Amino acid sequence: MHLHKKGVHVSIPLPRRDHGLVHSIKTIEGIRHVVLFTFARGKNPKYENGDEAVQYGKAVARVHKATDDFTTTHSRFSLDLDHLIYSPVKAIRPFLQQRPRDLEHLEDLCTRLSTALSSLPLGNLEQGFCHGDLHGWNASLSEDGNITFYDFDCGGMGWRAYDVAVFRWHAMLREKEMENWSSFMRGYGEVRALKASDIEAIPLFIGARHVWIMGLHTANAREWGWLADEYFDHQLKFLYKWESKYLGQKGLG
């Protein structure tokens, strides 16, 4: 609602007749809470050329700019090292007991990653509201060029460098890192600037994002039930590729 009032295109909750926003529904599992949101018209951006990445970068910058003054009395998790690295590793650890070399490698990687992030130092990085899942989707691009954001369930207060690193992470997954990333940053920079220290931190946050997503999957394995060796083969391959590129023994590559 804060973003909507600031003129940012977001899917917003529709009020009930009593003006409340949250519906409570009795189910066999217990009470479930439901919110009905407006439809985000358009299509998922495909990033087949630089134009859509530029537009997405501008839209992300507008979200950050509009939330520079955001405050709330509601409690919420923070996108800190515990949320991004330490807790995810705890969730991943039981699934790698049969792969001790990978577990040892992962824990060593995460130790070096957290040390590298802390040495920036983290206190110098810009903090504020973060969407938390700006991988390039979770948004619709309309024919008139407007990007409408949704899926704020991963959001909280955190480092803005992490928030933009999520886009680079996903571009790297799609092997489109350099072409998509440069276009995204060009668009972002047209709306607001990131300090050099924040830009320096982005490659490290790519790794933090991947550790976090693995922790999300493993923490929910009981409900989702699709994790197997093939999953860890794929995820660890990407993480080790990132490590060799950005987290050498001497720091950033």
Foldseek 3Di string as FASTA:
>chain_A
DLLVVVVQFAWDFDADPVRHFWDWDQDPVGIDIDTDTDDFDAAQDDPPALPLLLLLLLSQLSVVVSFPVPDDPDDDDEPDCCLLQVLLLVLCVVVCPVPVVLNVVNVVLSVLLVVLDCVLPVVVFDKTKALQQPLRGCWHAHPVGHIYHDNSVRIDIYGVLLRLLNNLLNCVVVVNNPRSVVSSQVNNVVNPDGDPSSVLCSLSSSLSNLSNVSSVCSVCCVVVVDDDPVVVVVSVVSNVVSCVQQPDPVGGD
